[in-house]
Amino acid sequence: MRTIQKIIFFFEMRPFGVCQWWARKLGINTSKVRLGFIYASFITFGSPLIIYLIMAWILEHKHYFKFQRKRRNSIWEL
């Protein structure tokens, strides 16, 4: 297999869920977020692709980060 084909196969077989995560956070349809990334990539010559890959890496390794908020006790629950 050629190197380009390996890279394409890797990205086709691993959905990272970045658009789905953003759509859930914003409360909109996933396809609209994907279209936004595509349009932004054409307008800005591919720089959102770098941002997308960084977000994909963070979402892939989120267990190393503390994204979960701990519930704090209020002063009335003490």
N, C-alpha and C. Protein backbone atom coordinates (compact mmCIF):
# COMPACT_ATOMS: atom_id res chain seq x y z
N MET A 1 0.82 -1.19 0.00
CA MET A 1 0.00 0.00 0.00
C MET A 1 0.87 1.25 0.00
N ARG A 2 0.47 2.22 -0.76
CA ARG A 2 1.24 3.45 -0.79
C ARG A 2 0.97 4.27 0.46
N THR A 3 1.86 5.16 0.74
CA THR A 3 1.77 5.97 1.94
C THR A 3 0.50 6.83 1.94
N ILE A 4 0.17 7.43 0.82
CA ILE A 4 -1.02 8.27 0.73
C ILE A 4 -2.27 7.43 0.98
N GLN A 5 -2.32 6.24 0.43
CA GLN A 5 -3.47 5.37 0.63
C GLN A 5 -3.60 4.95 2.10
N LYS A 6 -2.48 4.75 2.78
CA LYS A 6 -2.51 4.41 4.20
C LYS A 6 -3.07 5.57 5.01
N ILE A 7 -2.66 6.78 4.69
CA ILE A 7 -3.15 7.96 5.40
C ILE A 7 -4.65 8.13 5.17
N ILE A 8 -5.08 8.00 3.94
CA ILE A 8 -6.51 8.13 3.62
C ILE A 8 -7.32 7.05 4.33
N PHE A 9 -6.83 5.83 4.33
CA PHE A 9 -7.51 4.72 5.01
C PHE A 9 -7.62 4.99 6.50
N PHE A 10 -6.55 5.53 7.10
CA PHE A 10 -6.54 5.84 8.53
C PHE A 10 -7.64 6.84 8.87
N PHE A 11 -7.74 7.93 8.10
CA PHE A 11 -8.73 8.96 8.40
C PHE A 11 -10.15 8.52 8.05
N GLU A 12 -10.31 7.64 7.07
CA GLU A 12 -11.64 7.16 6.74
C GLU A 12 -12.16 6.16 7.78
N MET A 13 -11.29 5.42 8.38
CA MET A 13 -11.72 4.39 9.32
C MET A 13 -11.79 4.89 10.76
N ARG A 14 -11.31 6.09 11.04
CA ARG A 14 -11.33 6.60 12.41
C ARG A 14 -12.08 7.92 12.48
N PRO A 15 -13.36 7.89 12.70
CA PRO A 15 -14.04 9.16 12.91
C PRO A 15 -13.67 9.70 14.29
N PHE A 16 -13.26 10.92 14.34
CA PHE A 16 -12.78 11.48 15.60
C PHE A 16 -13.90 12.04 16.46
N GLY A 17 -15.01 12.43 15.85
CA GLY A 17 -16.13 12.93 16.64
C GLY A 17 -16.05 14.39 17.00
N VAL A 18 -15.17 15.15 16.36
CA VAL A 18 -15.03 16.56 16.67
C VAL A 18 -16.30 17.32 16.28
N CYS A 19 -16.79 17.08 15.08
CA CYS A 19 -18.00 17.78 14.63
C CYS A 19 -19.21 17.38 15.47
N GLN A 20 -19.28 16.12 15.83
CA GLN A 20 -20.38 15.66 16.65
C GLN A 20 -20.32 16.30 18.03
N TRP A 21 -19.14 16.43 18.59
CA TRP A 21 -18.97 17.05 19.90
C TRP A 21 -19.39 18.51 19.86
N TRP A 22 -18.92 19.23 18.81
CA TRP A 22 -19.30 20.65 18.66
C TRP A 22 -20.80 20.80 18.46
N ALA A 23 -21.40 19.92 17.65
CA ALA A 23 -22.84 20.00 17.41
C ALA A 23 -23.63 19.78 18.69
N ARG A 24 -23.19 18.85 19.50
CA ARG A 24 -23.87 18.59 20.77
C ARG A 24 -23.75 19.79 21.71
N LYS A 25 -22.54 20.40 21.75
CA LYS A 25 -22.33 21.56 22.61
C LYS A 25 -23.14 22.77 22.15
N LEU A 26 -23.24 22.97 20.83
CA LEU A 26 -23.94 24.12 20.28
C LEU A 26 -25.43 23.87 20.09
N GLY A 27 -25.86 22.63 20.13
CA GLY A 27 -27.26 22.29 19.98
C GLY A 27 -27.76 22.39 18.54
N ILE A 28 -26.88 22.10 17.57
CA ILE A 28 -27.27 22.14 16.16
C ILE A 28 -26.97 20.80 15.51
N ASN A 29 -27.33 20.69 14.25
CA ASN A 29 -27.14 19.45 13.49
C ASN A 29 -25.66 19.25 13.16
N THR A 30 -25.21 18.00 13.21
CA THR A 30 -23.81 17.67 12.94
C THR A 30 -23.40 18.03 11.52
N SER A 31 -24.29 17.85 10.57
CA SER A 31 -23.95 18.16 9.18
C SER A 31 -23.66 19.64 8.97
N LYS A 32 -24.31 20.50 9.74
CA LYS A 32 -24.04 21.94 9.64
C LYS A 32 -22.64 22.29 10.15
N VAL A 33 -22.22 21.61 11.18
CA VAL A 33 -20.87 21.83 11.70
C VAL A 33 -19.84 21.34 10.69
N ARG A 34 -20.09 20.18 10.08
CA ARG A 34 -19.17 19.65 9.07
C ARG A 34 -19.08 20.60 7.88
N LEU A 35 -20.22 21.10 7.43
CA LEU A 35 -20.21 22.06 6.32
C LEU A 35 -19.46 23.33 6.70
N GLY A 36 -19.60 23.75 7.93
CA GLY A 36 -18.86 24.93 8.41
C GLY A 36 -17.36 24.72 8.33
N PHE A 37 -16.89 23.53 8.75
CA PHE A 37 -15.46 23.22 8.64
C PHE A 37 -15.01 23.18 7.18
N ILE A 38 -15.83 22.60 6.32
CA ILE A 38 -15.47 22.52 4.91
C ILE A 38 -15.39 23.90 4.28
N TYR A 39 -16.41 24.73 4.51
CA TYR A 39 -16.41 26.09 3.96
C TYR A 39 -15.26 26.92 4.52
N ALA A 40 -15.02 26.79 5.81
CA ALA A 40 -13.91 27.55 6.42
C ALA A 40 -12.57 27.09 5.86
N SER A 41 -12.44 25.81 5.56
CA SER A 41 -11.19 25.31 4.98
C SER A 41 -10.95 25.88 3.59
N PHE A 42 -12.01 26.01 2.80
CA PHE A 42 -11.85 26.60 1.47
C PHE A 42 -11.54 28.09 1.55
N ILE A 43 -12.19 28.78 2.45
CA ILE A 43 -12.01 30.24 2.55
C ILE A 43 -10.63 30.58 3.12
N THR A 44 -10.18 29.85 4.11
CA THR A 44 -8.91 30.18 4.77
C THR A 44 -7.77 29.27 4.35
N PHE A 45 -7.91 28.59 3.24
CA PHE A 45 -6.84 27.76 2.67
C PHE A 45 -6.36 26.64 3.58
N GLY A 46 -7.27 26.00 4.30
CA GLY A 46 -6.94 24.79 5.05
C GLY A 46 -6.51 24.96 6.48
N SER A 47 -6.47 26.16 7.01
CA SER A 47 -6.04 26.31 8.41
C SER A 47 -7.01 25.68 9.41
N PRO A 48 -8.33 25.62 9.16
CA PRO A 48 -9.20 24.90 10.10
C PRO A 48 -8.90 23.41 10.18
N LEU A 49 -8.26 22.87 9.17
CA LEU A 49 -7.88 21.47 9.22
C LEU A 49 -6.88 21.22 10.35
N ILE A 50 -5.98 22.13 10.56
CA ILE A 50 -5.01 22.01 11.65
C ILE A 50 -5.73 22.10 12.99
N ILE A 51 -6.67 23.02 13.10
CA ILE A 51 -7.46 23.17 14.34
C ILE A 51 -8.28 21.90 14.59
N TYR A 52 -8.86 21.35 13.52
CA TYR A 52 -9.65 20.12 13.63
C TYR A 52 -8.78 18.97 14.14
N LEU A 53 -7.59 18.82 13.61
CA LEU A 53 -6.72 17.72 14.04
C LEU A 53 -6.27 17.90 15.48
N ILE A 54 -6.04 19.14 15.90
CA ILE A 54 -5.68 19.40 17.30
C ILE A 54 -6.84 19.03 18.22
N MET A 55 -8.06 19.44 17.83
CA MET A 55 -9.24 19.10 18.64
C MET A 55 -9.46 17.59 18.65
N ALA A 56 -9.21 16.92 17.55
CA ALA A 56 -9.35 15.46 17.50
C ALA A 56 -8.36 14.80 18.44
N TRP A 57 -7.15 15.31 18.49
CA TRP A 57 -6.15 14.75 19.39
C TRP A 57 -6.56 14.95 20.85
N ILE A 58 -7.08 16.13 21.16
CA ILE A 58 -7.50 16.41 22.54
C ILE A 58 -8.68 15.52 22.92
N LEU A 59 -9.65 15.35 22.01
CA LEU A 59 -10.79 14.49 22.32
C LEU A 59 -10.37 13.03 22.44
N GLU A 60 -9.37 12.63 21.67
CA GLU A 60 -8.88 11.25 21.73
C GLU A 60 -8.17 10.98 23.06
N HIS A 61 -7.53 11.99 23.62
CA HIS A 61 -6.75 11.83 24.85
C HIS A 61 -7.35 12.61 26.01
N LYS A 62 -8.66 12.77 26.03
CA LYS A 62 -9.29 13.59 27.06
C LYS A 62 -9.21 12.96 28.44
N HIS A 63 -8.92 11.68 28.53
CA HIS A 63 -8.78 11.07 29.84
C HIS A 63 -7.52 11.55 30.57
N TYR A 64 -6.58 12.14 29.83
CA TYR A 64 -5.39 12.71 30.47
C TYR A 64 -5.66 14.10 31.02
N PHE A 65 -6.69 14.74 30.53
CA PHE A 65 -7.04 16.08 30.98
C PHE A 65 -8.21 15.97 31.95
N LYS A 66 -8.39 17.00 32.76
CA LYS A 66 -9.50 16.98 33.71
C LYS A 66 -10.62 17.85 33.17
N PHE A 67 -11.41 17.28 32.23
CA PHE A 67 -12.54 18.00 31.66
C PHE A 67 -13.80 17.84 32.51
N GLN A 68 -13.85 16.83 33.35
CA GLN A 68 -15.02 16.61 34.15
C GLN A 68 -15.00 17.56 35.34
N ARG A 69 -16.12 18.20 35.55
CA ARG A 69 -16.22 19.10 36.69
C ARG A 69 -16.70 18.32 37.89
N LYS A 70 -16.04 18.55 38.99
CA LYS A 70 -16.48 17.92 40.23
C LYS A 70 -17.57 18.80 40.84
N ARG A 71 -18.56 18.16 41.37
CA ARG A 71 -19.62 18.92 41.99
C ARG A 71 -19.13 19.46 43.31
N ARG A 72 -19.22 20.74 43.44
CA ARG A 72 -18.77 21.36 44.69
C ARG A 72 -19.96 21.47 45.64
N ASN A 73 -19.67 21.25 46.88
CA ASN A 73 -20.71 21.41 47.89
C ASN A 73 -20.93 22.90 48.13
N SER A 74 -22.16 23.25 48.25
CA SER A 74 -22.45 24.64 48.55
C SER A 74 -22.29 24.88 50.04
N ILE A 75 -22.34 26.08 50.41
CA ILE A 75 -22.17 26.42 51.82
C ILE A 75 -23.33 25.87 52.66
N TRP A 76 -24.47 25.66 52.03
CA TRP A 76 -25.65 25.19 52.76
C TRP A 76 -25.61 23.68 52.95
N GLU A 77 -24.77 22.96 52.21
CA GLU A 77 -24.72 21.50 52.34
C GLU A 77 -23.65 21.05 53.33
N LEU A 78 -22.91 21.94 53.90
CA LEU A 78 -21.84 21.55 54.83
C LEU A 78 -22.35 21.14 56.15
